[in-house]
Structure formats: structure tokens, C-alpha cells
Amino acid sequence: MKPACNVATLIERSFTERLMRQRNVSGNTIASYRDTFRLLFMFAQVRLRKSPSALTLADLDATFIGAFLTDLEVRRGASAKTRNLRLTAIRSFFRFVSFEEPAHSALIQRVLAIPSKRHDKRQVHFPTRPEIEAVLAAPDRTTWLGGRDHTLLLVAAQTGLRLSELTGLDRDAVHLGSGAHVRCVGKGRKERTTPLTTLARCALQAWLKEPLRKGATALFPNVHGGRLSADSVQSLLGKHVRVAHKSCPSLKAKSVSPHVLRHSAAMGLLQAGVDCSVIGAVARS
């Protein structure tokens, strides 16, 4: 098989040529697509016993992609919505490949024909203030990890920042003086500032005094100094929610995700008397 059909090479070109140069997509989209292929490579390592550099297009047929999507739902517990987002990234790659490797059109078309999964839009039961407080109290703040997790979740619950915005924050994006706020790049690459509550400002003030991990620039780094992935934040939140169940049993009946925390912040603004149109404008920015 020709070297051009090596999957790793094609994926690299799809990112640099299609996503970055031609479509000029946001960093958040790049990160989402990157995570999709990271998971796909891990699945291929187990199922095919092949490293990413050894994969060819013939390996990524519709049967394999279908098995990968099923694995996401069954073993990793991904929702139908998350499964569809991963499929979107895969389709983008195969559309690029359809122009690069027309000899593989039959395989490509079968993959592109994999349907999205329909899913019901569930009514979301937002956590109450006591439930949010129980989650925020769960991390052990005497440790570095606990301090990071508490501050991250507090900022998420009180600012309504998107998950990608939280993980993308750098230390120098925080302003703790008069008019305390954080600067972030949101949807559509629009930069905006988000005010900080007194509680969030105090928590960030304490967190920024913690020693840097390996010269990290990220506001909420992992233990190696790099940025937290979306999966890592989902995992740490789930861990603290399970701890919070002990002191707040009502949490067991609710699904608490970073996205739910974002909407809880909006509910807090609504209860504080902020106009719905203002909240909507902030949510879309």
C-alpha cells in the first residue's frame, strides 16, 4: 500500500491543511477533533494491536469505525450526543481523504454513510445551591490536586465559562484587582472578559500562590504541568460528585457535568434578578 495511505500522515494533513489552513477552525474544535483521534488510536491499539504509525486506511473501514463508536457508548459511557460529536470529527477526516485518496472511495463512502444516533433531549434537573456547595466541599483542599479541583469547579459554577474556556485559561488571564475578571477566548474566537465573584476571586488568589508545576502556564494544569483535557475534567468532577453523595444524597438523582455547572451559573443569575436577555447574550458569547 502506498505511504500516502498511512493514517497518521493523512490525519496530520487533515489537521494542518483542512482544519487550520482552509477552514481556520477554532482551537476548541481542534482540541475536540484531536481527542477523538486519540481515543480512536487507543481503541485500534487494543482491537487491531497496531500503533498509530502502522494504521492504514484499510484498517479504518466502516466495521471498525462502528465498533469504535459502540465502544464509546458501552465501555466509556458516552452519551449519544458525545458519540455523534466523535462521528462528526471522523466524517471531517474522511471527507478530506476522499479528495486525497480517490482510489479508496468505496471504503470512504461506507464510513460517511454511518448515521448519527437520534437522542431525546432530556429535561435537565439543575443542582440546587446546597448540592453545588456539597460538590465544592468535596475536594481535599489540603492537597495541591484538591485545591486545583475546588478552584476550577468554583470558577465553573460562578462564571458559567464553557469547559473548553476553563481548560484554555492561562494564569495571566486572571485579573484580581479592581473589577476582578478573567479573559478568555470563547465561541467564534471572540475574546471576552467575565467578572469574578468575591468568592471566586479569593479562591483564585489563594490558588495562584501555589508553587508552579513544571513551569505551567495553564491556570488549572495537570500534575505534569500541561493542560487538563475535557475528559480529565469530566472525570475529576464525577469523582467529587460521588464524594458529595455522602453528605448530600439528593445528588444521586441528578447528572452533574461541566455543562450543567455552566447552566447552574445562569440559573443563579436569573434568581438574582438579571434579565433573561442579558443572560442569553452572555451564554452565546
Protein backbone atom coordinates (compact mmCIF):
# COMPACT_ATOMS: atom_id res chain seq x y z
CA MET A 1 0.00 0.00 0.00
CA LYS A 2 1.28 3.45 -0.84
CA PRO A 3 2.83 5.50 2.01
CA ALA A 4 0.23 8.23 1.33
CA CYS A 5 -2.42 5.84 2.70
CA ASN A 6 -0.77 5.81 6.10
CA VAL A 7 -3.44 7.08 8.51
CA ALA A 8 -1.10 9.08 10.74
CA THR A 9 0.17 11.07 7.74
CA LEU A 10 -3.34 11.71 6.44
CA ILE A 11 -4.63 12.81 9.84
CA GLU A 12 -1.75 15.24 10.24
CA ARG A 13 -2.50 16.75 6.83
CA SER A 14 -6.23 16.92 7.54
CA PHE A 15 -5.47 19.00 10.62
CA THR A 16 -2.88 21.31 9.07
CA GLU A 17 -4.43 21.71 5.61
CA ARG A 18 -8.20 21.26 6.02
CA LEU A 19 -8.94 22.37 9.57
CA MET A 20 -6.28 25.01 10.20
CA ARG A 21 -5.41 26.48 6.78
CA GLN A 22 -8.60 26.03 4.74
CA ARG A 23 -11.34 26.23 7.38
CA ASN A 24 -9.43 28.21 10.03
CA VAL A 25 -11.38 26.49 12.82
CA SER A 26 -11.06 27.48 16.46
CA GLY A 27 -8.61 25.95 18.90
CA ASN A 28 -11.54 24.36 20.71
CA THR A 29 -12.59 22.48 17.56
CA ILE A 30 -9.00 21.37 17.00
CA ALA A 31 -8.86 20.06 20.59
CA SER A 32 -12.17 18.20 20.20
CA TYR A 33 -11.08 16.52 16.95
CA ARG A 34 -7.67 15.70 18.46
CA ASP A 35 -9.34 13.96 21.41
CA THR A 36 -11.49 11.92 19.02
CA PHE A 37 -8.46 10.52 17.21
CA ARG A 38 -6.60 9.95 20.45
CA LEU A 39 -9.48 7.72 21.58
CA LEU A 40 -9.63 6.04 18.18
CA PHE A 41 -5.89 5.25 18.31
CA MET A 42 -6.29 3.75 21.79
CA PHE A 43 -9.14 1.58 20.50
CA ALA A 44 -7.10 0.47 17.47
CA GLN A 45 -4.17 -0.44 19.74
CA VAL A 46 -6.41 -2.87 21.64
CA ARG A 47 -8.58 -4.18 18.79
CA LEU A 48 -6.03 -4.34 15.96
CA ARG A 49 -2.82 -4.44 18.02
CA LYS A 50 -1.40 -1.70 15.83
CA SER A 51 0.30 1.54 16.79
CA PRO A 52 -0.97 4.79 15.19
CA SER A 53 2.01 4.91 12.84
CA ALA A 54 1.16 1.44 11.48
CA LEU A 55 -2.51 2.07 10.71
CA THR A 56 -3.69 2.26 7.09
CA LEU A 57 -6.97 3.38 5.58
CA ALA A 58 -7.95 -0.24 5.06
CA ASP A 59 -7.91 -0.67 8.85
CA LEU A 60 -10.43 2.12 9.36
CA ASP A 61 -13.34 0.62 7.48
CA ALA A 62 -17.00 1.12 8.41
CA THR A 63 -17.00 -2.02 10.58
CA PHE A 64 -14.07 -0.74 12.64
CA ILE A 65 -15.50 2.79 12.97
CA GLY A 66 -18.87 1.34 14.00
CA ALA A 67 -17.19 -0.80 16.66
CA PHE A 68 -15.29 2.25 17.93
CA LEU A 69 -18.50 4.28 18.28
CA THR A 70 -20.19 1.38 20.09
CA ASP A 71 -17.21 1.08 22.44
CA LEU A 72 -17.51 4.77 23.30
CA GLU A 73 -21.09 4.24 24.43
CA VAL A 74 -20.81 0.82 26.07
CA ARG A 75 -17.40 0.84 27.73
CA ARG A 76 -16.76 4.57 28.21
CA GLY A 77 -20.37 5.51 28.93
CA ALA A 78 -20.52 8.26 26.30
CA SER A 79 -23.93 9.73 25.53
CA ALA A 80 -25.47 9.58 22.07
CA LYS A 81 -24.67 13.28 21.72
CA THR A 82 -20.98 12.71 22.51
CA ARG A 83 -20.92 9.73 20.16
CA ASN A 84 -22.30 11.94 17.38
CA LEU A 85 -19.64 14.61 18.03
CA ARG A 86 -16.90 11.98 17.66
CA LEU A 87 -18.53 10.82 14.42
CA THR A 88 -18.52 14.41 13.13
CA ALA A 89 -14.73 14.56 13.57
CA ILE A 90 -14.31 11.24 11.77
CA ARG A 91 -16.53 12.36 8.88
CA SER A 92 -14.49 15.54 8.51
CA PHE A 93 -11.34 13.43 8.17
CA PHE A 94 -12.87 11.09 5.60
CA ARG A 95 -14.21 13.97 3.51
CA PHE A 96 -10.65 15.26 3.33
CA VAL A 97 -9.38 11.79 2.42
CA SER A 98 -11.98 11.43 -0.34
CA PHE A 99 -10.08 14.07 -2.33
CA GLU A 100 -6.63 12.81 -1.35
CA GLU A 101 -7.18 9.09 -1.93
CA PRO A 102 -9.99 8.62 -4.52
CA ALA A 103 -8.90 5.01 -5.04
CA HIS A 104 -10.47 4.28 -1.63
CA SER A 105 -13.82 5.88 -2.48
CA ALA A 106 -15.87 2.78 -1.68
CA LEU A 107 -14.43 2.46 1.83
CA ILE A 108 -14.76 6.20 2.42
CA GLN A 109 -18.39 6.34 1.31
CA ARG A 110 -19.31 3.46 3.62
CA VAL A 111 -17.81 5.31 6.57
CA LEU A 112 -19.52 8.58 5.61
CA ALA A 113 -22.81 6.68 5.43
CA ILE A 114 -22.67 5.76 9.15
CA PRO A 115 -25.69 7.59 10.60
CA SER A 116 -25.79 9.84 13.61
CA LYS A 117 -27.76 8.42 16.51
CA ARG A 118 -31.02 10.09 17.43
CA HIS A 119 -31.37 11.02 21.05
CA ASP A 120 -34.04 12.53 23.23
CA LYS A 121 -33.43 15.92 24.76
CA ARG A 122 -33.83 15.19 28.43
CA GLN A 123 -35.13 17.74 30.85
CA VAL A 124 -32.12 18.80 32.89
CA HIS A 125 -32.62 18.92 36.64
CA PHE A 126 -30.13 21.53 37.80
CA PRO A 127 -28.38 21.10 41.13
CA THR A 128 -29.63 23.29 43.95
CA ARG A 129 -27.31 25.67 45.76
CA PRO A 130 -26.78 23.22 48.67
CA GLU A 131 -25.94 20.48 46.16
CA ILE A 132 -23.40 22.69 44.38
CA GLU A 133 -21.88 23.60 47.74
CA ALA A 134 -21.59 19.91 48.62
CA VAL A 135 -19.66 19.26 45.39
CA LEU A 136 -17.38 22.25 46.02
CA ALA A 137 -16.67 20.99 49.54
CA ALA A 138 -15.71 17.50 48.32
CA PRO A 139 -12.08 18.16 47.17
CA ASP A 140 -9.42 17.90 49.88
CA ARG A 141 -8.05 21.43 49.82
CA THR A 142 -5.02 20.49 51.93
CA THR A 143 -3.55 18.89 48.80
CA TRP A 144 -2.43 20.50 45.54
CA LEU A 145 -4.90 18.47 43.48
CA GLY A 146 -7.77 19.22 45.84
CA GLY A 147 -7.00 22.93 45.78
CA ARG A 148 -6.92 22.92 41.99
CA ASP A 149 -10.15 20.98 41.68
CA HIS A 150 -12.02 23.14 44.19
CA THR A 151 -10.93 26.36 42.48
CA LEU A 152 -11.70 25.06 39.00
CA LEU A 153 -15.20 23.89 39.97
CA LEU A 154 -15.93 27.10 41.88
CA VAL A 155 -14.92 29.24 38.90
CA ALA A 156 -17.02 27.00 36.62
CA ALA A 157 -20.08 27.26 38.85
CA GLN A 158 -19.86 31.01 39.37
CA THR A 159 -18.75 32.28 35.96
CA GLY A 160 -20.57 29.94 33.56
CA LEU A 161 -17.46 29.51 31.41
CA ARG A 162 -17.53 26.67 28.90
CA LEU A 163 -15.36 23.64 29.63
CA SER A 164 -13.01 24.49 26.76
CA GLU A 165 -12.72 28.05 28.08
CA LEU A 166 -11.83 26.81 31.56
CA THR A 167 -9.14 24.42 30.38
CA GLY A 168 -7.81 27.08 27.99
CA LEU A 169 -7.31 29.72 30.70
CA ASP A 170 -3.74 30.84 31.39
CA ARG A 171 -2.53 32.29 34.67
CA ASP A 172 -2.07 35.71 33.11
CA ALA A 173 -5.74 35.73 32.04
CA VAL A 174 -6.76 36.38 35.66
CA HIS A 175 -7.12 39.97 36.90
CA LEU A 176 -7.69 40.17 40.66
CA GLY A 177 -7.55 43.93 41.18
CA SER A 178 -10.43 46.35 40.93
CA GLY A 179 -13.12 44.85 38.69
CA ALA A 180 -11.74 41.32 39.09
CA HIS A 181 -12.27 39.20 35.97
CA VAL A 182 -10.88 36.51 33.70
CA ARG A 183 -10.18 36.93 29.98
CA CYS A 184 -10.96 34.04 27.67
CA VAL A 185 -11.44 33.26 24.00
CA GLY A 186 -14.97 31.95 23.57
CA LYS A 187 -17.16 30.70 20.76
CA GLY A 188 -16.23 32.03 17.33
CA ARG A 189 -12.80 33.07 18.65
CA LYS A 190 -14.33 36.08 20.37
CA GLU A 191 -12.35 37.36 23.33
CA ARG A 192 -14.38 38.42 26.32
CA THR A 193 -13.97 39.22 29.99
CA THR A 194 -16.05 37.51 32.66
CA PRO A 195 -16.45 39.15 36.09
CA LEU A 196 -15.43 37.21 39.19
CA THR A 197 -17.48 36.99 42.35
CA THR A 198 -15.76 37.80 45.64
CA LEU A 199 -15.66 34.09 46.48
CA ALA A 200 -14.10 33.14 43.15
CA ARG A 201 -11.57 35.98 43.41
CA CYS A 202 -10.47 34.86 46.88
CA ALA A 203 -10.17 31.23 45.75
CA LEU A 204 -8.06 32.22 42.72
CA GLN A 205 -5.92 34.48 44.88
CA ALA A 206 -5.05 31.51 47.11
CA TRP A 207 -4.60 29.15 44.16
CA LEU A 208 -2.17 31.43 42.35
CA LYS A 209 0.11 31.35 45.41
CA GLU A 210 0.59 27.60 44.96
CA PRO A 211 4.01 26.58 43.51
CA LEU A 212 4.07 26.18 39.74
CA ARG A 213 4.11 22.65 38.37
CA LYS A 214 6.97 22.34 35.88
CA GLY A 215 6.64 25.93 34.67
CA ALA A 216 2.94 25.53 33.81
CA THR A 217 1.26 28.49 32.15
CA ALA A 218 -2.23 26.96 32.34
CA LEU A 219 -4.36 28.26 35.20
CA PHE A 220 -5.53 24.73 36.01
CA PRO A 221 -2.72 22.37 34.88
CA ASN A 222 -2.44 18.62 35.27
CA VAL A 223 0.25 17.10 37.51
CA HIS A 224 2.74 17.24 34.62
CA GLY A 225 2.22 20.96 34.00
CA GLY A 226 0.18 20.51 30.83
CA ARG A 227 -3.43 21.44 30.21
CA LEU A 228 -6.28 19.37 31.53
CA SER A 229 -8.26 17.57 28.84
CA ALA A 230 -12.06 17.67 28.73
CA ASP A 231 -12.13 14.00 29.77
CA SER A 232 -9.94 14.77 32.79
CA VAL A 233 -12.30 17.49 33.99
CA GLN A 234 -15.31 15.21 33.48
CA SER A 235 -13.53 12.53 35.49
CA LEU A 236 -12.49 14.76 38.40
CA LEU A 237 -15.97 16.26 38.63
CA GLY A 238 -17.52 12.79 38.70
CA LYS A 239 -15.16 11.76 41.48
CA HIS A 240 -16.09 14.74 43.66
CA VAL A 241 -19.81 14.32 42.96
CA ARG A 242 -19.57 10.74 44.25
CA VAL A 243 -17.90 12.00 47.44
CA ALA A 244 -20.59 14.68 47.80
CA HIS A 245 -23.30 12.00 47.67
CA LYS A 246 -22.42 11.08 51.27
CA SER A 247 -23.35 14.47 52.66
CA CYS A 248 -25.98 15.31 50.05
CA PRO A 249 -27.93 12.16 49.00
CA SER A 250 -30.20 14.15 46.64
CA LEU A 251 -27.27 14.44 44.21
CA LYS A 252 -27.68 10.76 43.33
CA ALA A 253 -30.78 11.61 41.33
CA LYS A 254 -29.01 14.26 39.25
CA SER A 255 -26.46 14.25 36.49
CA VAL A 256 -23.77 16.83 37.24
CA SER A 257 -21.47 17.70 34.34
CA PRO A 258 -19.35 20.76 33.48
CA HIS A 259 -22.14 21.82 31.14
CA VAL A 260 -24.68 21.57 33.96
CA LEU A 261 -22.42 23.75 36.13
CA ARG A 262 -22.45 26.33 33.34
CA HIS A 263 -26.23 26.37 33.31
CA SER A 264 -26.34 26.47 37.11
CA ALA A 265 -24.43 29.74 36.90
CA ALA A 266 -27.09 31.07 34.53
CA MET A 267 -29.83 29.96 36.93
CA GLY A 268 -28.05 31.80 39.72
CA LEU A 269 -28.06 35.00 37.66
CA LEU A 270 -31.75 34.53 36.90
CA GLN A 271 -32.58 34.07 40.58
CA ALA A 272 -30.55 37.20 41.34
CA GLY A 273 -32.87 39.18 39.08
CA VAL A 274 -30.66 39.52 35.98
CA ASP A 275 -32.72 39.98 32.80
CA CYS A 276 -33.10 36.84 30.63
CA SER A 277 -31.89 38.68 27.51
CA VAL A 278 -28.65 39.61 29.30
CA ILE A 279 -28.08 36.03 30.44
CA GLY A 280 -28.75 34.77 26.91
CA ALA A 281 -26.28 37.23 25.40
CA VAL A 282 -23.59 36.08 27.85
CA ALA A 283 -24.31 32.41 27.15
CA ARG A 284 -23.97 32.90 23.37
CA SER A 285 -20.74 34.90 23.59
